[in-house]
């Protein structure tokens, strides 16, 4: 079962990928996580990646493609995988086709206001990094972390006006990729406007309807 998860920031891709990965025992491959891992390991690739990150530049396609190709060649991907954060460009999508044959691309959609509500309510502890939400997962004491008592803050990226710009950028960047997979007939839109406990069963139903999993 070879899957790609696509969707705007805040739609919940990582949460859904983690749940499906555990349920069907296939690796959840996040390119963001892989880049951080390479930097941490200090590998040759990690050194190259760090140079771009420190300059505030996007990591070039060639490096990302090499990273994904290496990851997909590992033994644990034989049964399948979930790609999260790749492809991000049309070239990456075309190169992925040369590496493997995808079964399905799930395109998670939700109204902008739902995403803004999710992200703008997020608060993070300055001390330990614990994450809260003012509406869905509030701390016991407003503005203070339950774990360590640290101050909670809102990331600049999580302010409504910034989120709107991020969503607009996402739409421009991913429109050709979504159209590419829709033309190939392997893209399915999934309503992600509800909480994860509702969305994950929707994903399972899509996988069943495509014959990728059984009624286990």
C-alpha atoms as a PDB file:
ATOM      1  CA  UNK A   1       0.000   0.000   0.000  1.00  0.00           C
ATOM      2  CA  UNK A   2       1.931   2.998  -1.324  1.00  0.00           C
ATOM      3  CA  UNK A   3       0.260   6.246  -0.280  1.00  0.00           C
ATOM      4  CA  UNK A   4       0.879   9.988  -0.481  1.00  0.00           C
ATOM      5  CA  UNK A   5      -0.895  12.376   1.913  1.00  0.00           C
ATOM      6  CA  UNK A   6      -1.425  15.937   0.641  1.00  0.00           C
ATOM      7  CA  UNK A   7      -3.103  18.836   2.414  1.00  0.00           C
ATOM      8  CA  UNK A   8      -2.650  22.383   3.682  1.00  0.00           C
ATOM      9  CA  UNK A   9      -0.852  23.251   6.919  1.00  0.00           C
ATOM     10  CA  UNK A  10      -3.030  22.486   9.926  1.00  0.00           C
ATOM     11  CA  UNK A  11      -5.239  19.957   8.146  1.00  0.00           C
ATOM     12  CA  UNK A  12      -3.843  17.065  10.236  1.00  0.00           C
ATOM     13  CA  UNK A  13      -1.801  15.041   7.718  1.00  0.00           C
ATOM     14  CA  UNK A  14       0.792  14.001  10.270  1.00  0.00           C
ATOM     15  CA  UNK A  15      -1.830  12.834  12.769  1.00  0.00           C
ATOM     16  CA  UNK A  16      -3.683  10.800  10.132  1.00  0.00           C
ATOM     17  CA  UNK A  17      -0.460   9.327   8.732  1.00  0.00           C
ATOM     18  CA  UNK A  18       0.652   8.236  12.212  1.00  0.00           C
ATOM     19  CA  UNK A  19      -2.701   6.526  12.843  1.00  0.00           C
ATOM     20  CA  UNK A  20      -2.756   4.692   9.488  1.00  0.00           C
ATOM     21  CA  UNK A  21       0.923   3.757   9.851  1.00  0.00           C
ATOM     22  CA  UNK A  22       0.248   2.085  13.209  1.00  0.00           C
ATOM     23  CA  UNK A  23      -2.917   0.365  12.031  1.00  0.00           C
ATOM     24  CA  UNK A  24      -1.394  -1.214   8.917  1.00  0.00           C
ATOM     25  CA  UNK A  25       2.259  -1.401  10.032  1.00  0.00           C
ATOM     26  CA  UNK A  26       3.735   0.589   7.158  1.00  0.00           C
ATOM     27  CA  UNK A  27       6.251   3.412   7.711  1.00  0.00           C
ATOM     28  CA  UNK A  28       5.124   7.031   7.934  1.00  0.00           C
ATOM     29  CA  UNK A  29       7.780   8.927   5.987  1.00  0.00           C
ATOM     30  CA  UNK A  30       7.915  12.645   6.718  1.00  0.00           C
ATOM     31  CA  UNK A  31      10.488  14.524   4.667  1.00  0.00           C
ATOM     32  CA  UNK A  32      10.693  17.184   7.393  1.00  0.00           C
ATOM     33  CA  UNK A  33      11.568  14.529   9.976  1.00  0.00           C
ATOM     34  CA  UNK A  34      14.114  12.961   7.620  1.00  0.00           C
ATOM     35  CA  UNK A  35      15.874  16.279   7.013  1.00  0.00           C
ATOM     36  CA  UNK A  36      16.099  16.930  10.756  1.00  0.00           C
ATOM     37  CA  UNK A  37      17.416  13.389  11.301  1.00  0.00           C
ATOM     38  CA  UNK A  38      20.144  13.795   8.676  1.00  0.00           C
ATOM     39  CA  UNK A  39      21.236  17.107  10.227  1.00  0.00           C
ATOM     40  CA  UNK A  40      21.296  15.513  13.694  1.00  0.00           C
ATOM     41  CA  UNK A  41      23.339  12.536  12.448  1.00  0.00           C
ATOM     42  CA  UNK A  42      25.820  14.859  10.789  1.00  0.00           C
ATOM     43  CA  UNK A  43      25.778  12.755   7.625  1.00  0.00           C
ATOM     44  CA  UNK A  44      27.220  14.076   4.353  1.00  0.00           C
ATOM     45  CA  UNK A  45      23.666  14.798   3.202  1.00  0.00           C
ATOM     46  CA  UNK A  46      22.856  16.382   6.569  1.00  0.00           C
ATOM     47  CA  UNK A  47      25.783  18.790   6.243  1.00  0.00           C
ATOM     48  CA  UNK A  48      24.492  19.916   2.841  1.00  0.00           C
ATOM     49  CA  UNK A  49      20.956  20.285   4.193  1.00  0.00           C
ATOM     50  CA  UNK A  50      22.134  22.306   7.196  1.00  0.00           C
ATOM     51  CA  UNK A  51      23.813  24.850   4.892  1.00  0.00           C
ATOM     52  CA  UNK A  52      20.506  25.609   3.170  1.00  0.00           C
ATOM     53  CA  UNK A  53      18.529  25.667   6.431  1.00  0.00           C
ATOM     54  CA  UNK A  54      20.999  28.064   8.083  1.00  0.00           C
ATOM     55  CA  UNK A  55      20.750  30.411   5.077  1.00  0.00           C
ATOM     56  CA  UNK A  56      16.957  30.267   5.315  1.00  0.00           C
ATOM     57  CA  UNK A  57      16.712  28.724   1.837  1.00  0.00           C
ATOM     58  CA  UNK A  58      14.571  25.859   0.574  1.00  0.00           C
ATOM     59  CA  UNK A  59      16.410  22.549   0.271  1.00  0.00           C
ATOM     60  CA  UNK A  60      16.792  21.870  -3.496  1.00  0.00           C
ATOM     61  CA  UNK A  61      14.723  19.218  -5.265  1.00  0.00           C
ATOM     62  CA  UNK A  62      17.780  17.078  -6.033  1.00  0.00           C
ATOM     63  CA  UNK A  63      18.601  16.647  -2.335  1.00  0.00           C
ATOM     64  CA  UNK A  64      14.995  15.923  -1.325  1.00  0.00           C
ATOM     65  CA  UNK A  65      14.605  13.416  -4.165  1.00  0.00           C
ATOM     66  CA  UNK A  66      17.850  11.659  -3.191  1.00  0.00           C
ATOM     67  CA  UNK A  67      16.689  11.503   0.429  1.00  0.00           C
ATOM     68  CA  UNK A  68      13.318   9.964  -0.513  1.00  0.00           C
ATOM     69  CA  UNK A  69      14.862   7.515  -2.981  1.00  0.00           C
ATOM     70  CA  UNK A  70      17.242   6.256  -0.282  1.00  0.00           C
ATOM     71  CA  UNK A  71      14.411   5.931   2.242  1.00  0.00           C
ATOM     72  CA  UNK A  72      12.085   4.038  -0.109  1.00  0.00           C
ATOM     73  CA  UNK A  73      14.843   1.515  -0.872  1.00  0.00           C
ATOM     74  CA  UNK A  74      14.871   0.292   2.741  1.00  0.00           C
ATOM     75  CA  UNK A  75      13.443  -3.085   3.718  1.00  0.00           C
ATOM     76  CA  UNK A  76      10.562  -1.683   5.781  1.00  0.00           C
ATOM     77  CA  UNK A  77       9.057  -0.026   2.689  1.00  0.00           C
ATOM     78  CA  UNK A  78       8.582  -3.346   0.869  1.00  0.00           C
ATOM     79  CA  UNK A  79       5.030  -3.692   2.250  1.00  0.00           C
ATOM     80  CA  UNK A  80       4.226  -0.053   1.566  1.00  0.00           C
ATOM     81  CA  UNK A  81       4.594   3.430   3.012  1.00  0.00           C
ATOM     82  CA  UNK A  82       2.891   6.765   3.624  1.00  0.00           C
ATOM     83  CA  UNK A  83       4.683   9.815   2.225  1.00  0.00           C
ATOM     84  CA  UNK A  84       3.915  13.040   4.111  1.00  0.00           C
ATOM     85  CA  UNK A  85       5.493  16.265   2.828  1.00  0.00           C
ATOM     86  CA  UNK A  86       6.583  14.826  -0.521  1.00  0.00           C
ATOM     87  CA  UNK A  87       6.123  15.614  -3.348  1.00  0.00           C
ATOM     88  CA  UNK A  88       6.041  19.418  -3.032  1.00  0.00           C
ATOM     89  CA  UNK A  89       6.819  20.233  -6.664  1.00  0.00           C
ATOM     90  CA  UNK A  90       5.724  18.796 -10.002  1.00  0.00           C
ATOM     91  CA  UNK A  91       9.281  17.641 -10.656  1.00  0.00           C
ATOM     92  CA  UNK A  92       9.304  15.751  -7.346  1.00  0.00           C
ATOM     93  CA  UNK A  93       6.014  14.074  -8.331  1.00  0.00           C
ATOM     94  CA  UNK A  94       7.445  13.020 -11.692  1.00  0.00           C
ATOM     95  CA  UNK A  95      10.627  11.682 -10.076  1.00  0.00           C
ATOM     96  CA  UNK A  96       8.561   9.759  -7.518  1.00  0.00           C
ATOM     97  CA  UNK A  97       6.793   8.011 -10.405  1.00  0.00           C
ATOM     98  CA  UNK A  98      10.198   6.752 -11.556  1.00  0.00           C
ATOM     99  CA  UNK A  99      10.955   5.339  -8.078  1.00  0.00           C
ATOM    100  CA  UNK A 100       7.696   3.519  -7.376  1.00  0.00           C
ATOM    101  CA  UNK A 101       4.080   3.005  -8.453  1.00  0.00           C
ATOM    102  CA  UNK A 102       1.697   4.793  -6.099  1.00  0.00           C
ATOM    103  CA  UNK A 103      -1.613   3.196  -5.166  1.00  0.00           C
ATOM    104  CA  UNK A 104      -3.387   6.303  -3.924  1.00  0.00           C
ATOM    105  CA  UNK A 105      -2.955  10.004  -3.164  1.00  0.00           C
ATOM    106  CA  UNK A 106      -5.219  11.301  -0.394  1.00  0.00           C
ATOM    107  CA  UNK A 107      -5.935  15.022  -0.645  1.00  0.00           C
ATOM    108  CA  UNK A 108      -7.183  16.302   2.726  1.00  0.00           C
ATOM    109  CA  UNK A 109      -9.511  19.282   2.447  1.00  0.00           C
ATOM    110  CA  UNK A 110     -11.091  21.558   5.043  1.00  0.00           C
ATOM    111  CA  UNK A 111     -12.501  25.111   4.979  1.00  0.00           C
ATOM    112  CA  UNK A 112      -9.953  27.829   5.692  1.00  0.00           C
ATOM    113  CA  UNK A 113     -11.865  28.911   8.808  1.00  0.00           C
ATOM    114  CA  UNK A 114     -11.578  25.397  10.298  1.00  0.00           C
ATOM    115  CA  UNK A 115      -7.814  25.368   9.734  1.00  0.00           C
ATOM    116  CA  UNK A 116      -7.414  28.893  11.108  1.00  0.00           C
ATOM    117  CA  UNK A 117      -9.403  27.874  14.211  1.00  0.00           C
ATOM    118  CA  UNK A 118      -7.129  24.856  14.741  1.00  0.00           C
ATOM    119  CA  UNK A 119      -3.823  26.637  14.255  1.00  0.00           C
ATOM    120  CA  UNK A 120      -4.599  30.005  15.843  1.00  0.00           C
ATOM    121  CA  UNK A 121      -5.712  28.273  19.049  1.00  0.00           C
ATOM    122  CA  UNK A 122      -2.439  26.379  19.412  1.00  0.00           C
ATOM    123  CA  UNK A 123      -0.191  27.308  22.329  1.00  0.00           C
ATOM    124  CA  UNK A 124       3.310  25.980  23.051  1.00  0.00           C
ATOM    125  CA  UNK A 125       5.269  25.855  26.314  1.00  0.00           C
ATOM    126  CA  UNK A 126       8.444  27.941  26.227  1.00  0.00           C
ATOM    127  CA  UNK A 127      10.184  25.539  28.638  1.00  0.00           C
ATOM    128  CA  UNK A 128       9.323  21.983  27.577  1.00  0.00           C
ATOM    129  CA  UNK A 129       7.631  22.421  24.198  1.00  0.00           C
ATOM    130  CA  UNK A 130       4.316  20.805  25.223  1.00  0.00           C
ATOM    131  CA  UNK A 131       1.461  21.728  22.861  1.00  0.00           C
ATOM    132  CA  UNK A 132      -2.037  22.826  23.891  1.00  0.00           C
ATOM    133  CA  UNK A 133      -5.120  24.272  22.220  1.00  0.00           C
ATOM    134  CA  UNK A 134      -7.227  26.958  23.869  1.00  0.00           C
ATOM    135  CA  UNK A 135     -10.431  25.216  22.731  1.00  0.00           C
ATOM    136  CA  UNK A 136      -9.705  21.524  22.139  1.00  0.00           C
ATOM    137  CA  UNK A 137      -6.938  20.803  24.662  1.00  0.00           C
ATOM    138  CA  UNK A 138      -6.672  23.720  27.106  1.00  0.00           C
ATOM    139  CA  UNK A 139      -4.204  23.759  30.016  1.00  0.00           C
ATOM    140  CA  UNK A 140      -5.609  23.514  33.536  1.00  0.00           C
ATOM    141  CA  UNK A 141      -4.352  27.028  34.292  1.00  0.00           C
ATOM    142  CA  UNK A 142      -4.730  29.471  31.355  1.00  0.00           C
ATOM    143  CA  UNK A 143      -1.359  30.446  29.921  1.00  0.00           C
ATOM    144  CA  UNK A 144       0.599  27.875  31.977  1.00  0.00           C
ATOM    145  CA  UNK A 145       1.913  24.415  31.078  1.00  0.00           C
ATOM    146  CA  UNK A 146       0.396  21.464  33.000  1.00  0.00           C
ATOM    147  CA  UNK A 147       3.735  19.619  32.950  1.00  0.00           C
ATOM    148  CA  UNK A 148       6.273  22.204  34.026  1.00  0.00           C
ATOM    149  CA  UNK A 149       4.394  25.430  34.713  1.00  0.00           C
ATOM    150  CA  UNK A 150       6.171  27.190  31.850  1.00  0.00           C
ATOM    151  CA  UNK A 151       4.650  30.099  29.970  1.00  0.00           C
ATOM    152  CA  UNK A 152       2.536  29.221  26.926  1.00  0.00           C
ATOM    153  CA  UNK A 153       2.941  31.278  23.768  1.00  0.00           C
ATOM    154  CA  UNK A 154       1.511  31.507  20.255  1.00  0.00           C
ATOM    155  CA  UNK A 155       3.927  30.994  17.367  1.00  0.00           C
ATOM    156  CA  UNK A 156       4.104  33.820  14.835  1.00  0.00           C
ATOM    157  CA  UNK A 157       3.124  31.279  12.137  1.00  0.00           C
ATOM    158  CA  UNK A 158      -0.098  30.525  14.053  1.00  0.00           C
ATOM    159  CA  UNK A 159      -1.532  34.048  13.887  1.00  0.00           C
ATOM    160  CA  UNK A 160      -4.688  34.197  11.688  1.00  0.00           C
ATOM    161  CA  UNK A 161      -3.273  36.690   9.165  1.00  0.00           C
ATOM    162  CA  UNK A 162      -0.117  34.575   8.732  1.00  0.00           C
ATOM    163  CA  UNK A 163      -2.162  31.368   8.385  1.00  0.00           C
ATOM    164  CA  UNK A 164      -4.216  32.942   5.573  1.00  0.00           C
ATOM    165  CA  UNK A 165      -1.026  33.764   3.686  1.00  0.00           C
ATOM    166  CA  UNK A 166       0.310  30.230   4.246  1.00  0.00           C
ATOM    167  CA  UNK A 167      -2.932  28.744   2.891  1.00  0.00           C
ATOM    168  CA  UNK A 168      -2.812  30.941  -0.197  1.00  0.00           C
ATOM    169  CA  UNK A 169       0.810  29.946  -0.802  1.00  0.00           C
ATOM    170  CA  UNK A 170      -0.111  26.278  -0.346  1.00  0.00           C
ATOM    171  CA  UNK A 171      -2.902  26.515  -2.942  1.00  0.00           C
ATOM    172  CA  UNK A 172      -0.592  28.071  -5.521  1.00  0.00           C
ATOM    173  CA  UNK A 173       2.199  25.569  -4.852  1.00  0.00           C
ATOM    174  CA  UNK A 174       0.084  22.415  -4.806  1.00  0.00           C
ATOM    175  CA  UNK A 175      -2.498  23.132  -7.516  1.00  0.00           C
ATOM    176  CA  UNK A 176      -0.358  21.575 -10.311  1.00  0.00           C
ATOM    177  CA  UNK A 177       0.495  18.549  -8.135  1.00  0.00           C
ATOM    178  CA  UNK A 178      -3.157  17.914  -7.244  1.00  0.00           C
ATOM    179  CA  UNK A 179      -4.144  18.261 -10.914  1.00  0.00           C
ATOM    180  CA  UNK A 180      -1.301  15.912 -11.929  1.00  0.00           C
ATOM    181  CA  UNK A 181      -2.540  13.123  -9.640  1.00  0.00           C
ATOM    182  CA  UNK A 182      -6.204  13.775 -10.454  1.00  0.00           C
ATOM    183  CA  UNK A 183      -5.430  13.278 -14.152  1.00  0.00           C
ATOM    184  CA  UNK A 184      -3.705   9.996 -13.304  1.00  0.00           C
ATOM    185  CA  UNK A 185      -6.910   8.884 -11.549  1.00  0.00           C
ATOM    186  CA  UNK A 186      -5.299   8.064  -8.201  1.00  0.00           C
ATOM    187  CA  UNK A 187      -6.290  11.140  -6.178  1.00  0.00           C
ATOM    188  CA  UNK A 188      -9.170  11.049  -3.672  1.00  0.00           C
ATOM    189  CA  UNK A 189     -10.397  14.079  -1.720  1.00  0.00           C
ATOM    190  CA  UNK A 190     -10.979  13.395   1.988  1.00  0.00           C
ATOM    191  CA  UNK A 191     -13.064  15.717   4.168  1.00  0.00           C
ATOM    192  CA  UNK A 192     -10.777  16.655   7.072  1.00  0.00           C
ATOM    193  CA  UNK A 193     -12.995  19.313   8.642  1.00  0.00           C
ATOM    194  CA  UNK A 194     -13.767  17.119  11.685  1.00  0.00           C
ATOM    195  CA  UNK A 195     -11.558  15.896  14.528  1.00  0.00           C
ATOM    196  CA  UNK A 196      -9.069  13.080  13.892  1.00  0.00           C
ATOM    197  CA  UNK A 197     -11.231  10.380  15.522  1.00  0.00           C
ATOM    198  CA  UNK A 198     -13.774  10.992  12.737  1.00  0.00           C
ATOM    199  CA  UNK A 199     -11.359  11.583   9.860  1.00  0.00           C
ATOM    200  CA  UNK A 200      -9.234   8.450  10.401  1.00  0.00           C
ATOM    201  CA  UNK A 201     -12.217   6.060   9.900  1.00  0.00           C
ATOM    202  CA  UNK A 202     -13.000   7.994   6.699  1.00  0.00           C
ATOM    203  CA  UNK A 203      -9.501   7.243   5.459  1.00  0.00           C
ATOM    204  CA  UNK A 204      -9.945   3.551   6.298  1.00  0.00           C
ATOM    205  CA  UNK A 205     -13.201   3.496   4.296  1.00  0.00           C
ATOM    206  CA  UNK A 206     -11.428   5.032   1.293  1.00  0.00           C
ATOM    207  CA  UNK A 207      -8.665   2.400   1.508  1.00  0.00           C
ATOM    208  CA  UNK A 208     -11.292  -0.359   1.703  1.00  0.00           C
ATOM    209  CA  UNK A 209     -13.241   1.046  -1.242  1.00  0.00           C
ATOM    210  CA  UNK A 210     -10.064   0.958  -3.353  1.00  0.00           C
ATOM    211  CA  UNK A 211      -9.334  -2.643  -2.340  1.00  0.00           C
ATOM    212  CA  UNK A 212      -6.108  -1.697  -0.558  1.00  0.00           C
ATOM    213  CA  UNK A 213      -7.144  -3.114   2.833  1.00  0.00           C
ATOM    214  CA  UNK A 214      -9.623  -5.727   3.999  1.00  0.00           C
ATOM    215  CA  UNK A 215     -12.418  -5.386   6.574  1.00  0.00           C
ATOM    216  CA  UNK A 216     -10.150  -6.238   9.486  1.00  0.00           C
END
